[in-house]
Amino acid sequence: MNLPQPIASLGERLGAAWRDRALALKAMSFAVVGLINTAVDATIFFLMLAYVTPSLAIANITSWFIANVGSYVMNAVTTFSAETGGRLSLRHYAAFAGSGVVAVTASTITVVLAAKFVPVWAAKAIAILVSFAVNFSITHFVVFRTKSEGADARNGA
């Protein structure tokens, strides 16, 4: 079975990154930044629930947005510094925020559904894990991909 070119190309990039261990190192760096952002996200989430709104969705989206800005700055200057030159750009932030929208959608759906079966703190923890997997994948393979990967994709390689 032949996969569409973008999917086949993504699979090839995943395999190459894993063989080079670059993916594992970036994932660890992304996770460290993520721990900081998780603390920010969770703190704001629970403060929102305690003092601002009873809505899980509103609290989750607000806390995500604030943590997302910090995450972009830290990831652009550390995890993906080779791809960004350690500089911040509106174009990269827009793409990063766009990938984050996908992650926060997955996270919000997860926290709302999981809260029906487990305590809210556990639902938030599950949502954080889902968000990490989605956000790292999109950030690494789409937002901050290396210039040669972008050129290969445009040239059909």
C-alpha atoms as a PDB file:
ATOM      1  CA  MET A   1       0.000   0.000   0.000  1.00  0.00           C
ATOM      2  CA  ASN A   2       1.417   3.393  -1.000  1.00  0.00           C
ATOM      3  CA  LEU A   3       0.882   6.236   1.439  1.00  0.00           C
ATOM      4  CA  PRO A   4       0.267   9.807   0.303  1.00  0.00           C
ATOM      5  CA  GLN A   5       3.592  11.677  -0.059  1.00  0.00           C
ATOM      6  CA  PRO A   6       3.317  13.896   3.061  1.00  0.00           C
ATOM      7  CA  ILE A   7       2.533  10.861   5.243  1.00  0.00           C
ATOM      8  CA  ALA A   8       5.295   8.759   3.697  1.00  0.00           C
ATOM      9  CA  SER A   9       7.740  11.675   4.123  1.00  0.00           C
ATOM     10  CA  LEU A  10       6.740  12.078   7.784  1.00  0.00           C
ATOM     11  CA  GLY A  11       7.349   8.366   8.356  1.00  0.00           C
ATOM     12  CA  GLU A  12      10.783   8.599   6.782  1.00  0.00           C
ATOM     13  CA  ARG A  13      11.663  11.657   8.914  1.00  0.00           C
ATOM     14  CA  LEU A  14      10.467   9.852  12.068  1.00  0.00           C
ATOM     15  CA  GLY A  15      12.644   6.848  11.280  1.00  0.00           C
ATOM     16  CA  ALA A  16      15.724   8.946  10.502  1.00  0.00           C
ATOM     17  CA  ALA A  17      15.289  11.094  13.618  1.00  0.00           C
ATOM     18  CA  TRP A  18      14.936   8.032  15.828  1.00  0.00           C
ATOM     19  CA  ARG A  19      18.052   6.424  14.342  1.00  0.00           C
ATOM     20  CA  ASP A  20      20.025   9.620  14.944  1.00  0.00           C
ATOM     21  CA  ARG A  21      18.614   9.957  18.488  1.00  0.00           C
ATOM     22  CA  ALA A  22      17.951  13.619  17.758  1.00  0.00           C
ATOM     23  CA  LEU A  23      14.268  12.981  18.320  1.00  0.00           C
ATOM     24  CA  ALA A  24      14.838  11.496  21.779  1.00  0.00           C
ATOM     25  CA  LEU A  25      17.050  14.406  22.875  1.00  0.00           C
ATOM     26  CA  LYS A  26      14.585  16.989  21.591  1.00  0.00           C
ATOM     27  CA  ALA A  27      11.732  15.145  23.285  1.00  0.00           C
ATOM     28  CA  MET A  28      13.620  15.282  26.592  1.00  0.00           C
ATOM     29  CA  SER A  29      14.312  19.010  26.203  1.00  0.00           C
ATOM     30  CA  PHE A  30      10.690  19.573  25.183  1.00  0.00           C
ATOM     31  CA  ALA A  31       9.631  17.617  28.292  1.00  0.00           C
ATOM     32  CA  VAL A  32      11.757  19.791  30.620  1.00  0.00           C
ATOM     33  CA  VAL A  33      10.243  22.930  29.118  1.00  0.00           C
ATOM     34  CA  GLY A  34       6.911  21.150  29.377  1.00  0.00           C
ATOM     35  CA  LEU A  35       7.367  20.533  33.108  1.00  0.00           C
ATOM     36  CA  ILE A  36       7.737  24.260  33.661  1.00  0.00           C
ATOM     37  CA  ASN A  37       4.735  24.968  31.471  1.00  0.00           C
ATOM     38  CA  THR A  38       2.746  22.222  33.148  1.00  0.00           C
ATOM     39  CA  ALA A  39       3.276  23.939  36.500  1.00  0.00           C
ATOM     40  CA  VAL A  40       2.127  27.246  34.991  1.00  0.00           C
ATOM     41  CA  ASP A  41      -0.811  25.581  33.196  1.00  0.00           C
ATOM     42  CA  ALA A  42      -2.003  23.602  36.242  1.00  0.00           C
ATOM     43  CA  THR A  43      -1.621  26.537  38.620  1.00  0.00           C
ATOM     44  CA  ILE A  44      -3.643  28.856  36.414  1.00  0.00           C
ATOM     45  CA  PHE A  45      -6.197  26.093  35.673  1.00  0.00           C
ATOM     46  CA  PHE A  46      -6.924  25.463  39.354  1.00  0.00           C
ATOM     47  CA  LEU A  47      -6.870  29.183  40.243  1.00  0.00           C
ATOM     48  CA  MET A  48      -9.386  29.798  37.447  1.00  0.00           C
ATOM     49  CA  LEU A  49     -11.640  27.023  38.787  1.00  0.00           C
ATOM     50  CA  ALA A  50     -11.355  28.288  42.354  1.00  0.00           C
ATOM     51  CA  TYR A  51     -11.804  32.013  41.725  1.00  0.00           C
ATOM     52  CA  VAL A  52     -13.022  32.783  38.221  1.00  0.00           C
ATOM     53  CA  THR A  53     -15.178  30.129  36.566  1.00  0.00           C
ATOM     54  CA  PRO A  54     -16.662  26.683  37.187  1.00  0.00           C
ATOM     55  CA  SER A  55     -16.142  25.826  33.489  1.00  0.00           C
ATOM     56  CA  LEU A  56     -13.459  23.202  32.881  1.00  0.00           C
ATOM     57  CA  ALA A  57     -13.224  24.243  29.233  1.00  0.00           C
ATOM     58  CA  ILE A  58     -12.734  27.970  29.971  1.00  0.00           C
ATOM     59  CA  ALA A  59     -10.196  27.255  32.716  1.00  0.00           C
ATOM     60  CA  ASN A  60      -8.295  24.825  30.461  1.00  0.00           C
ATOM     61  CA  ILE A  61      -8.193  27.115  27.428  1.00  0.00           C
ATOM     62  CA  THR A  62      -7.109  30.129  29.514  1.00  0.00           C
ATOM     63  CA  SER A  63      -4.371  28.252  31.325  1.00  0.00           C
ATOM     64  CA  TRP A  64      -3.191  26.694  28.069  1.00  0.00           C
ATOM     65  CA  PHE A  65      -2.932  30.051  26.307  1.00  0.00           C
ATOM     66  CA  ILE A  66      -0.775  31.591  29.018  1.00  0.00           C
ATOM     67  CA  ALA A  67       1.469  28.521  29.236  1.00  0.00           C
ATOM     68  CA  ASN A  68       1.697  28.355  25.419  1.00  0.00           C
ATOM     69  CA  VAL A  69       3.368  31.754  25.140  1.00  0.00           C
ATOM     70  CA  GLY A  70       5.998  30.743  27.694  1.00  0.00           C
ATOM     71  CA  SER A  71       6.448  27.390  25.992  1.00  0.00           C
ATOM     72  CA  TYR A  72       7.111  29.006  22.629  1.00  0.00           C
ATOM     73  CA  VAL A  73       9.767  31.320  24.047  1.00  0.00           C
ATOM     74  CA  MET A  74      11.568  28.558  25.949  1.00  0.00           C
ATOM     75  CA  ASN A  75      11.385  26.027  23.086  1.00  0.00           C
ATOM     76  CA  ALA A  76      12.498  28.525  20.442  1.00  0.00           C
ATOM     77  CA  VAL A  77      15.637  29.401  22.387  1.00  0.00           C
ATOM     78  CA  THR A  78      16.445  25.889  23.695  1.00  0.00           C
ATOM     79  CA  THR A  79      14.852  22.777  22.192  1.00  0.00           C
ATOM     80  CA  PHE A  80      14.576  24.088  18.643  1.00  0.00           C
ATOM     81  CA  SER A  81      17.393  26.655  18.737  1.00  0.00           C
ATOM     82  CA  ALA A  82      19.160  24.980  15.792  1.00  0.00           C
ATOM     83  CA  GLU A  83      16.054  25.513  13.681  1.00  0.00           C
ATOM     84  CA  THR A  84      15.296  29.054  14.917  1.00  0.00           C
ATOM     85  CA  GLY A  85      18.807  30.352  15.411  1.00  0.00           C
ATOM     86  CA  GLY A  86      17.691  31.033  18.986  1.00  0.00           C
ATOM     87  CA  ARG A  87      15.502  33.876  17.756  1.00  0.00           C
ATOM     88  CA  LEU A  88      11.799  34.472  18.201  1.00  0.00           C
ATOM     89  CA  SER A  89       9.650  35.180  15.166  1.00  0.00           C
ATOM     90  CA  LEU A  90       6.015  35.946  14.606  1.00  0.00           C
ATOM     91  CA  ARG A  91       5.858  33.318  11.841  1.00  0.00           C
ATOM     92  CA  HIS A  92       7.177  30.571  14.111  1.00  0.00           C
ATOM     93  CA  TYR A  93       4.946  31.684  16.979  1.00  0.00           C
ATOM     94  CA  ALA A  94       1.875  31.646  14.717  1.00  0.00           C
ATOM     95  CA  ALA A  95       2.711  28.099  13.606  1.00  0.00           C
ATOM     96  CA  PHE A  96       3.529  27.079  17.195  1.00  0.00           C
ATOM     97  CA  ALA A  97       0.237  28.538  18.438  1.00  0.00           C
ATOM     98  CA  GLY A  98      -1.590  26.784  15.596  1.00  0.00           C
ATOM     99  CA  SER A  99      -0.094  23.456  16.629  1.00  0.00           C
ATOM    100  CA  GLY A 100      -1.037  24.324  20.183  1.00  0.00           C
ATOM    101  CA  VAL A 101      -4.658  24.840  19.150  1.00  0.00           C
ATOM    102  CA  VAL A 102      -4.719  21.224  17.995  1.00  0.00           C
ATOM    103  CA  ALA A 103      -3.129  20.165  21.296  1.00  0.00           C
ATOM    104  CA  VAL A 104      -5.463  22.271  23.457  1.00  0.00           C
ATOM    105  CA  THR A 105      -8.452  20.880  21.574  1.00  0.00           C
ATOM    106  CA  ALA A 106      -7.278  17.342  22.330  1.00  0.00           C
ATOM    107  CA  SER A 107      -6.498  18.368  25.915  1.00  0.00           C
ATOM    108  CA  THR A 108      -9.872  20.032  26.490  1.00  0.00           C
ATOM    109  CA  ILE A 109     -11.809  17.093  25.074  1.00  0.00           C
ATOM    110  CA  THR A 110      -9.710  14.764  27.234  1.00  0.00           C
ATOM    111  CA  VAL A 111     -10.139  16.732  30.488  1.00  0.00           C
ATOM    112  CA  VAL A 112     -13.903  17.107  30.029  1.00  0.00           C
ATOM    113  CA  LEU A 113     -14.436  13.427  29.144  1.00  0.00           C
ATOM    114  CA  ALA A 114     -11.989  12.022  31.689  1.00  0.00           C
ATOM    115  CA  ALA A 115     -13.525  14.129  34.490  1.00  0.00           C
ATOM    116  CA  LYS A 116     -16.688  12.044  34.078  1.00  0.00           C
ATOM    117  CA  PHE A 117     -14.743   8.962  35.218  1.00  0.00           C
ATOM    118  CA  VAL A 118     -11.850  10.155  37.418  1.00  0.00           C
ATOM    119  CA  PRO A 119     -11.203  13.091  39.774  1.00  0.00           C
ATOM    120  CA  VAL A 120     -10.536  16.437  38.054  1.00  0.00           C
ATOM    121  CA  TRP A 121      -6.842  16.426  39.041  1.00  0.00           C
ATOM    122  CA  ALA A 122      -6.416  13.017  37.364  1.00  0.00           C
ATOM    123  CA  ALA A 123      -8.366  14.163  34.311  1.00  0.00           C
ATOM    124  CA  LYS A 124      -6.042  17.172  34.026  1.00  0.00           C
ATOM    125  CA  ALA A 125      -2.985  14.901  34.335  1.00  0.00           C
ATOM    126  CA  ILE A 126      -4.275  12.650  31.541  1.00  0.00           C
ATOM    127  CA  ALA A 127      -5.023  15.724  29.407  1.00  0.00           C
ATOM    128  CA  ILE A 128      -1.474  16.994  29.937  1.00  0.00           C
ATOM    129  CA  LEU A 129      -0.047  13.705  28.639  1.00  0.00           C
ATOM    130  CA  VAL A 130      -2.304  13.794  25.579  1.00  0.00           C
ATOM    131  CA  SER A 131      -1.354  17.410  24.936  1.00  0.00           C
ATOM    132  CA  PHE A 132       2.372  16.619  25.223  1.00  0.00           C
ATOM    133  CA  ALA A 133       2.212  13.829  22.644  1.00  0.00           C
ATOM    134  CA  VAL A 134       0.170  15.853  20.165  1.00  0.00           C
ATOM    135  CA  ASN A 135       2.084  19.107  20.631  1.00  0.00           C
ATOM    136  CA  PHE A 136       5.587  17.611  20.446  1.00  0.00           C
ATOM    137  CA  SER A 137       4.763  15.675  17.302  1.00  0.00           C
ATOM    138  CA  ILE A 138       3.380  18.696  15.477  1.00  0.00           C
ATOM    139  CA  THR A 139       6.048  21.069  16.812  1.00  0.00           C
ATOM    140  CA  HIS A 140       8.965  18.845  15.856  1.00  0.00           C
ATOM    141  CA  PHE A 141       7.763  17.575  12.492  1.00  0.00           C
ATOM    142  CA  VAL A 142       5.860  20.604  11.214  1.00  0.00           C
ATOM    143  CA  VAL A 143       6.587  23.878  13.024  1.00  0.00           C
ATOM    144  CA  PHE A 144      10.343  23.663  13.644  1.00  0.00           C
ATOM    145  CA  ARG A 145      11.428  21.159  11.016  1.00  0.00           C
ATOM    146  CA  THR A 146      14.866  21.784   9.606  1.00  0.00           C
ATOM    147  CA  LYS A 147      15.243  23.740   6.381  1.00  0.00           C
ATOM    148  CA  SER A 148      16.464  20.632   4.502  1.00  0.00           C
ATOM    149  CA  GLU A 149      13.333  18.727   5.573  1.00  0.00           C
ATOM    150  CA  GLY A 150      11.156  21.603   4.347  1.00  0.00           C
ATOM    151  CA  ALA A 151      13.006  21.698   1.021  1.00  0.00           C
ATOM    152  CA  ASP A 152      12.744  17.906   0.664  1.00  0.00           C
ATOM    153  CA  ALA A 153       8.999  18.049   1.245  1.00  0.00           C
ATOM    154  CA  ARG A 154       8.538  20.835  -1.328  1.00  0.00           C
ATOM    155  CA  ASN A 155      10.661  18.968  -3.881  1.00  0.00           C
ATOM    156  CA  GLY A 156       8.733  15.732  -3.403  1.00  0.00           C
ATOM    157  CA  ALA A 157      11.714  13.898  -1.938  1.00  0.00           C
END
